Amino acid sequence: MKPSKHSLNSCEFSAKEITVEFIIVKESCDGSSPVKSRQSFPVKRGELVWDRLKERTYRRLLRSIGIRLSPTVKADLIELVSRVAYSLPSHADHIFVCIITSEPSHYAKFNVVTGIHVDEDKEVSWDTVENPLLHVLQACKPPIPCLKKVKIDEDNVGSNEASCCAICLQDFSAASEAATTTCSHVYHPHCIVKWLLKSTTCPMCRSKLPTG
């Protein structure tokens, strides 16, 4: 896929930092439990989209995750990830690549979704994966319309309104990332995402929040 010349000449487009996170599920022919793993790689969008850069980038990524893919599957995966990276929404910062493989046959199928990474307990998250091709990890859901990422800085970390998360009551730390709602209340990303799985109202003002 070749993006438009205008897009590729945009420094902001090419320099956008993205994390490509591979969620690997290795199924066994003997019926034993599948082996699951996750690996994350920081890249710039241009490295996933620009023809003269992406061959080297994908070769490095696929070598690092340590699974064998047929040339056809590999080409299809690269094309899909490149297409997703090209059209990545401005509020997303992650590309989740879920691959299910079977050894020793090297059978593989995959799915690619975008989202924001707010998961802090990866072990617990595995319990929520019913079908890895259809569901990303529960705490790594695609962007929720009512949330926007913000950076906690030295100027606002000590203010009364933004000193702590109203859900867990833990203080924000300077230079950390938080999530703000459409009603301008600030929370730890993982706290508000878990809250919204059970309720669609703001924990502080009870305003109705758009979640889908």
C-alpha atoms as a PDB file:
ATOM      1  CA  MET A   1       0.000   0.000   0.000  1.00  0.00           C
ATOM      2  CA  LYS A   2       1.334   3.425  -0.924  1.00  0.00           C
ATOM      3  CA  PRO A   3       0.005   6.389   1.075  1.00  0.00           C
ATOM      4  CA  SER A   4      -0.432   9.690  -0.705  1.00  0.00           C
ATOM      5  CA  LYS A   5       2.658  11.801  -1.245  1.00  0.00           C
ATOM      6  CA  HIS A   6       1.115  14.543   0.868  1.00  0.00           C
ATOM      7  CA  SER A   7       0.639  12.213   3.835  1.00  0.00           C
ATOM      8  CA  LEU A   8       4.134  10.803   3.692  1.00  0.00           C
ATOM      9  CA  ASN A   9       5.664  14.270   3.569  1.00  0.00           C
ATOM     10  CA  SER A  10       3.938  15.135   6.828  1.00  0.00           C
ATOM     11  CA  CYS A  11       6.441  14.882   9.679  1.00  0.00           C
ATOM     12  CA  GLU A  12       3.583  14.507  12.145  1.00  0.00           C
ATOM     13  CA  PHE A  13       2.152  11.583  10.186  1.00  0.00           C
ATOM     14  CA  SER A  14       5.419   9.653   9.903  1.00  0.00           C
ATOM     15  CA  ALA A  15       6.744  10.473  13.374  1.00  0.00           C
ATOM     16  CA  LYS A  16       3.639   9.447  15.346  1.00  0.00           C
ATOM     17  CA  GLU A  17       4.792   6.966  17.989  1.00  0.00           C
ATOM     18  CA  ILE A  18       2.885   3.690  17.995  1.00  0.00           C
ATOM     19  CA  THR A  19       3.215   0.549  20.066  1.00  0.00           C
ATOM     20  CA  VAL A  20       2.673  -2.660  18.142  1.00  0.00           C
ATOM     21  CA  GLU A  21       1.656  -5.310  20.663  1.00  0.00           C
ATOM     22  CA  PHE A  22       1.618  -8.934  19.586  1.00  0.00           C
ATOM     23  CA  ILE A  23      -0.753 -11.244  21.475  1.00  0.00           C
ATOM     24  CA  ILE A  24       0.360 -14.766  20.605  1.00  0.00           C
ATOM     25  CA  VAL A  25      -1.699 -17.874  21.339  1.00  0.00           C
ATOM     26  CA  LYS A  26       0.070 -21.150  20.512  1.00  0.00           C
ATOM     27  CA  GLU A  27      -2.322 -24.064  20.398  1.00  0.00           C
ATOM     28  CA  SER A  28      -1.091 -27.619  20.939  1.00  0.00           C
ATOM     29  CA  CYS A  29      -2.150 -30.656  18.920  1.00  0.00           C
ATOM     30  CA  ASP A  30      -2.158 -32.834  22.052  1.00  0.00           C
ATOM     31  CA  GLY A  31      -5.042 -30.916  23.655  1.00  0.00           C
ATOM     32  CA  SER A  32      -2.984 -29.238  26.374  1.00  0.00           C
ATOM     33  CA  SER A  33      -3.611 -25.627  27.358  1.00  0.00           C
ATOM     34  CA  PRO A  34      -2.483 -23.043  24.797  1.00  0.00           C
ATOM     35  CA  VAL A  35       0.654 -21.047  25.498  1.00  0.00           C
ATOM     36  CA  LYS A  36      -0.018 -17.305  25.580  1.00  0.00           C
ATOM     37  CA  SER A  37       2.454 -14.463  25.362  1.00  0.00           C
ATOM     38  CA  ARG A  38       2.543 -10.730  24.775  1.00  0.00           C
ATOM     39  CA  GLN A  39       5.338  -8.617  23.338  1.00  0.00           C
ATOM     40  CA  SER A  40       5.329  -4.882  22.671  1.00  0.00           C
ATOM     41  CA  PHE A  41       7.483  -2.903  20.247  1.00  0.00           C
ATOM     42  CA  PRO A  42       7.623   0.904  19.979  1.00  0.00           C
ATOM     43  CA  VAL A  43       7.772   2.122  16.374  1.00  0.00           C
ATOM     44  CA  LYS A  44       7.016   5.218  14.343  1.00  0.00           C
ATOM     45  CA  ARG A  45       4.096   5.114  11.949  1.00  0.00           C
ATOM     46  CA  GLY A  46       6.330   5.811   8.956  1.00  0.00           C
ATOM     47  CA  GLU A  47       8.240   2.620   9.712  1.00  0.00           C
ATOM     48  CA  LEU A  48       5.041   0.602   9.289  1.00  0.00           C
ATOM     49  CA  VAL A  49       3.730   2.406   6.220  1.00  0.00           C
ATOM     50  CA  TRP A  50       6.598   3.806   4.183  1.00  0.00           C
ATOM     51  CA  ASP A  51       7.675   1.260   1.548  1.00  0.00           C
ATOM     52  CA  ARG A  52      11.415   1.853   1.909  1.00  0.00           C
ATOM     53  CA  LEU A  53      11.288   1.375   5.688  1.00  0.00           C
ATOM     54  CA  LYS A  54       8.615  -1.188   6.399  1.00  0.00           C
ATOM     55  CA  GLU A  55      10.329  -4.292   4.990  1.00  0.00           C
ATOM     56  CA  ARG A  56      13.130  -4.005   7.545  1.00  0.00           C
ATOM     57  CA  THR A  57      10.699  -3.085  10.333  1.00  0.00           C
ATOM     58  CA  TYR A  58       8.375  -6.047   9.805  1.00  0.00           C
ATOM     59  CA  ARG A  59      11.289  -8.434   9.420  1.00  0.00           C
ATOM     60  CA  ARG A  60      12.584  -7.308  12.818  1.00  0.00           C
ATOM     61  CA  LEU A  61       9.169  -7.545  14.482  1.00  0.00           C
ATOM     62  CA  LEU A  62       8.301 -10.984  13.139  1.00  0.00           C
ATOM     63  CA  ARG A  63      11.728 -12.350  13.998  1.00  0.00           C
ATOM     64  CA  SER A  64      11.373 -11.069  17.572  1.00  0.00           C
ATOM     65  CA  ILE A  65       8.041 -12.788  18.274  1.00  0.00           C
ATOM     66  CA  GLY A  66       9.546 -16.151  17.332  1.00  0.00           C
ATOM     67  CA  ILE A  67       6.761 -17.797  15.312  1.00  0.00           C
ATOM     68  CA  ARG A  68       6.830 -19.210  11.802  1.00  0.00           C
ATOM     69  CA  LEU A  69       4.379 -17.863   9.265  1.00  0.00           C
ATOM     70  CA  SER A  70       3.939 -18.995   5.689  1.00  0.00           C
ATOM     71  CA  PRO A  71       4.911 -16.412   3.041  1.00  0.00           C
ATOM     72  CA  THR A  72       1.234 -15.882   2.189  1.00  0.00           C
ATOM     73  CA  VAL A  73       0.148 -15.355   5.797  1.00  0.00           C
ATOM     74  CA  LYS A  74       3.133 -13.109   6.438  1.00  0.00           C
ATOM     75  CA  ALA A  75       2.338 -10.951   3.404  1.00  0.00           C
ATOM     76  CA  ASP A  76      -1.336 -10.668   4.400  1.00  0.00           C
ATOM     77  CA  LEU A  77      -0.403  -9.715   7.979  1.00  0.00           C
ATOM     78  CA  ILE A  78       2.045  -7.040   6.852  1.00  0.00           C
ATOM     79  CA  GLU A  79      -0.491  -5.576   4.454  1.00  0.00           C
ATOM     80  CA  LEU A  80      -3.189  -5.435   7.140  1.00  0.00           C
ATOM     81  CA  VAL A  81      -0.959  -3.860   9.803  1.00  0.00           C
ATOM     82  CA  SER A  82       0.300  -1.302   7.266  1.00  0.00           C
ATOM     83  CA  ARG A  83      -3.270  -0.402   6.307  1.00  0.00           C
ATOM     84  CA  VAL A  84      -4.296  -0.078   9.956  1.00  0.00           C
ATOM     85  CA  ALA A  85      -1.249   2.080  10.758  1.00  0.00           C
ATOM     86  CA  TYR A  86      -2.031   4.360   7.819  1.00  0.00           C
ATOM     87  CA  SER A  87      -5.593   5.026   9.025  1.00  0.00           C
ATOM     88  CA  LEU A  88      -4.867   4.948  12.774  1.00  0.00           C
ATOM     89  CA  PRO A  89      -7.209   7.347  14.650  1.00  0.00           C
ATOM     90  CA  SER A  90      -5.453  10.274  16.306  1.00  0.00           C
ATOM     91  CA  HIS A  91      -6.634   9.170  19.769  1.00  0.00           C
ATOM     92  CA  ALA A  92      -5.215   5.632  19.420  1.00  0.00           C
ATOM     93  CA  ASP A  93      -1.630   4.755  20.282  1.00  0.00           C
ATOM     94  CA  HIS A  94      -1.606   0.957  20.041  1.00  0.00           C
ATOM     95  CA  ILE A  95      -1.984  -1.637  17.328  1.00  0.00           C
ATOM     96  CA  PHE A  96      -2.880  -5.024  18.794  1.00  0.00           C
ATOM     97  CA  VAL A  97      -1.947  -7.988  16.593  1.00  0.00           C
ATOM     98  CA  CYS A  98      -3.511 -11.230  17.802  1.00  0.00           C
ATOM     99  CA  ILE A  99      -2.064 -14.372  16.199  1.00  0.00           C
ATOM    100  CA  ILE A 100      -3.266 -17.905  16.853  1.00  0.00           C
ATOM    101  CA  THR A 101      -0.840 -20.592  15.725  1.00  0.00           C
ATOM    102  CA  SER A 102      -0.749 -24.361  15.917  1.00  0.00           C
ATOM    103  CA  GLU A 103       2.475 -26.316  16.180  1.00  0.00           C
ATOM    104  CA  PRO A 104       4.013 -28.270  14.577  1.00  0.00           C
ATOM    105  CA  SER A 105       1.731 -27.609  11.587  1.00  0.00           C
ATOM    106  CA  HIS A 106       2.490 -23.844  11.629  1.00  0.00           C
ATOM    107  CA  TYR A 107      -1.174 -23.086  10.948  1.00  0.00           C
ATOM    108  CA  ALA A 108      -1.934 -19.442  11.769  1.00  0.00           C
ATOM    109  CA  LYS A 109      -4.783 -16.949  11.747  1.00  0.00           C
ATOM    110  CA  PHE A 110      -4.734 -13.368  12.948  1.00  0.00           C
ATOM    111  CA  ASN A 111      -6.707 -10.260  13.766  1.00  0.00           C
ATOM    112  CA  VAL A 112      -5.586  -6.644  14.096  1.00  0.00           C
ATOM    113  CA  VAL A 113      -7.312  -3.927  16.138  1.00  0.00           C
ATOM    114  CA  THR A 114      -6.354  -0.482  17.380  1.00  0.00           C
ATOM    115  CA  GLY A 115      -6.769   0.964  20.828  1.00  0.00           C
ATOM    116  CA  ILE A 116      -5.236   2.624  23.836  1.00  0.00           C
ATOM    117  CA  HIS A 117      -3.141   0.680  26.296  1.00  0.00           C
ATOM    118  CA  VAL A 118      -4.400   1.011  29.863  1.00  0.00           C
ATOM    119  CA  ASP A 119      -3.823  -2.491  31.177  1.00  0.00           C
ATOM    120  CA  GLU A 120      -1.611  -2.814  34.260  1.00  0.00           C
ATOM    121  CA  ASP A 121      -2.296  -6.432  35.220  1.00  0.00           C
ATOM    122  CA  LYS A 122      -1.567  -8.607  32.213  1.00  0.00           C
ATOM    123  CA  GLU A 123      -2.044 -11.889  34.044  1.00  0.00           C
ATOM    124  CA  VAL A 124      -5.599 -11.056  35.134  1.00  0.00           C
ATOM    125  CA  SER A 125      -6.427  -9.790  31.652  1.00  0.00           C
ATOM    126  CA  TRP A 126      -5.973 -13.240  30.130  1.00  0.00           C
ATOM    127  CA  ASP A 127      -9.107 -14.412  31.956  1.00  0.00           C
ATOM    128  CA  THR A 128     -11.236 -12.131  29.774  1.00  0.00           C
ATOM    129  CA  VAL A 129     -10.099 -13.535  26.436  1.00  0.00           C
ATOM    130  CA  GLU A 130     -12.881 -15.830  25.228  1.00  0.00           C
ATOM    131  CA  ASN A 131     -11.928 -15.788  21.573  1.00  0.00           C
ATOM    132  CA  PRO A 132      -8.669 -13.974  20.813  1.00  0.00           C
ATOM    133  CA  LEU A 133      -9.703 -13.381  17.204  1.00  0.00           C
ATOM    134  CA  LEU A 134     -12.774 -11.398  18.253  1.00  0.00           C
ATOM    135  CA  HIS A 135     -11.810  -9.873  21.582  1.00  0.00           C
ATOM    136  CA  VAL A 136      -8.799  -7.875  22.646  1.00  0.00           C
ATOM    137  CA  LEU A 137      -7.837  -7.928  26.301  1.00  0.00           C
ATOM    138  CA  GLN A 138     -10.622  -6.398  28.368  1.00  0.00           C
ATOM    139  CA  ALA A 139      -8.519  -3.532  29.688  1.00  0.00           C
ATOM    140  CA  CYS A 140      -7.048  -2.811  26.254  1.00  0.00           C
ATOM    141  CA  LYS A 141     -10.325  -2.102  24.497  1.00  0.00           C
ATOM    142  CA  PRO A 142     -10.439   0.119  21.407  1.00  0.00           C
ATOM    143  CA  PRO A 143     -10.762   3.830  22.255  1.00  0.00           C
ATOM    144  CA  ILE A 144     -13.884   4.756  24.197  1.00  0.00           C
ATOM    145  CA  PRO A 145     -15.497   7.916  22.759  1.00  0.00           C
ATOM    146  CA  CYS A 146     -15.912   9.613  26.143  1.00  0.00           C
ATOM    147  CA  LEU A 147     -12.218   9.309  27.101  1.00  0.00           C
ATOM    148  CA  LYS A 148      -9.164  11.273  26.081  1.00  0.00           C
ATOM    149  CA  LYS A 149      -5.598  10.757  27.240  1.00  0.00           C
ATOM    150  CA  VAL A 150      -3.936  13.628  29.113  1.00  0.00           C
ATOM    151  CA  LYS A 151      -0.501  14.084  30.618  1.00  0.00           C
ATOM    152  CA  ILE A 152      -0.235  14.880  34.330  1.00  0.00           C
ATOM    153  CA  ASP A 153       2.419  17.565  34.748  1.00  0.00           C
ATOM    154  CA  GLU A 154       4.004  19.413  37.640  1.00  0.00           C
ATOM    155  CA  ASP A 155       1.511  22.269  37.345  1.00  0.00           C
ATOM    156  CA  ASN A 156      -1.658  20.238  37.819  1.00  0.00           C
ATOM    157  CA  VAL A 157      -0.543  17.233  39.854  1.00  0.00           C
ATOM    158  CA  GLY A 158      -0.946  19.164  43.089  1.00  0.00           C
ATOM    159  CA  SER A 159      -4.185  20.959  42.307  1.00  0.00           C
ATOM    160  CA  ASN A 160      -7.259  20.112  44.340  1.00  0.00           C
ATOM    161  CA  GLU A 161      -9.243  18.993  41.306  1.00  0.00           C
ATOM    162  CA  ALA A 162      -6.588  16.688  39.866  1.00  0.00           C
ATOM    163  CA  SER A 163      -4.608  15.516  42.878  1.00  0.00           C
ATOM    164  CA  CYS A 164      -5.965  11.969  42.911  1.00  0.00           C
ATOM    165  CA  CYS A 165      -8.148   9.516  41.034  1.00  0.00           C
ATOM    166  CA  ALA A 166     -11.688   9.588  42.454  1.00  0.00           C
ATOM    167  CA  ILE A 167     -12.112   5.855  41.836  1.00  0.00           C
ATOM    168  CA  CYS A 168      -9.069   4.357  43.586  1.00  0.00           C
ATOM    169  CA  LEU A 169      -8.261   7.492  45.650  1.00  0.00           C
ATOM    170  CA  GLN A 170      -4.571   7.133  44.769  1.00  0.00           C
ATOM    171  CA  ASP A 171      -2.580  10.260  43.905  1.00  0.00           C
ATOM    172  CA  PHE A 172      -1.524  10.944  40.342  1.00  0.00           C
ATOM    173  CA  SER A 173       2.199  11.029  39.789  1.00  0.00           C
ATOM    174  CA  ALA A 174       3.849  13.748  37.742  1.00  0.00           C
ATOM    175  CA  ALA A 175       4.541  12.887  34.089  1.00  0.00           C
ATOM    176  CA  SER A 176       2.062   9.974  34.183  1.00  0.00           C
ATOM    177  CA  GLU A 177      -0.824   9.519  31.762  1.00  0.00           C
ATOM    178  CA  ALA A 178      -4.425   9.954  32.866  1.00  0.00           C
ATOM    179  CA  ALA A 179      -7.812   9.817  31.163  1.00  0.00           C
ATOM    180  CA  THR A 180     -10.264  12.680  31.111  1.00  0.00           C
ATOM    181  CA  THR A 181     -13.973  12.289  30.386  1.00  0.00           C
ATOM    182  CA  THR A 182     -16.211  14.505  28.272  1.00  0.00           C
ATOM    183  CA  CYS A 183     -17.323  16.113  31.529  1.00  0.00           C
ATOM    184  CA  SER A 184     -13.669  17.015  32.285  1.00  0.00           C
ATOM    185  CA  HIS A 185     -13.044  14.688  35.236  1.00  0.00           C
ATOM    186  CA  VAL A 186      -9.670  12.955  35.414  1.00  0.00           C
ATOM    187  CA  TYR A 187      -8.960   9.344  36.391  1.00  0.00           C
ATOM    188  CA  HIS A 188      -6.314   6.665  36.065  1.00  0.00           C
ATOM    189  CA  PRO A 189      -6.946   5.112  32.623  1.00  0.00           C
ATOM    190  CA  HIS A 190      -7.277   1.556  33.962  1.00  0.00           C
ATOM    191  CA  CYS A 191      -9.640   2.719  36.722  1.00  0.00           C
ATOM    192  CA  ILE A 192     -12.108   4.523  34.470  1.00  0.00           C
ATOM    193  CA  VAL A 193     -12.045   1.782  31.800  1.00  0.00           C
ATOM    194  CA  LYS A 194     -12.916  -0.859  34.404  1.00  0.00           C
ATOM    195  CA  TRP A 195     -15.621   1.450  35.801  1.00  0.00           C
ATOM    196  CA  LEU A 196     -17.173   1.904  32.351  1.00  0.00           C
ATOM    197  CA  LEU A 197     -17.422  -1.852  31.907  1.00  0.00           C
ATOM    198  CA  LYS A 198     -20.041  -1.765  34.681  1.00  0.00           C
ATOM    199  CA  SER A 199     -21.519   1.736  34.457  1.00  0.00           C
ATOM    200  CA  THR A 200     -21.949   4.409  31.777  1.00  0.00           C
ATOM    201  CA  THR A 201     -22.047   7.384  34.143  1.00  0.00           C
ATOM    202  CA  CYS A 202     -19.201   9.533  35.449  1.00  0.00           C
ATOM    203  CA  PRO A 203     -18.181   8.460  38.988  1.00  0.00           C
ATOM    204  CA  MET A 204     -18.014  12.086  40.124  1.00  0.00           C
ATOM    205  CA  CYS A 205     -20.894  13.980  38.505  1.00  0.00           C
ATOM    206  CA  ARG A 206     -23.014  11.040  37.271  1.00  0.00           C
ATOM    207  CA  SER A 207     -23.219  12.487  33.761  1.00  0.00           C
ATOM    208  CA  LYS A 208     -24.104   9.995  31.047  1.00  0.00           C
ATOM    209  CA  LEU A 209     -20.956   9.043  29.118  1.00  0.00           C
ATOM    210  CA  PRO A 210     -20.877   7.854  25.485  1.00  0.00           C
ATOM    211  CA  THR A 211     -19.055   4.545  25.509  1.00  0.00           C
ATOM    212  CA  GLY A 212     -19.662   3.128  22.050  1.00  0.00           C
END
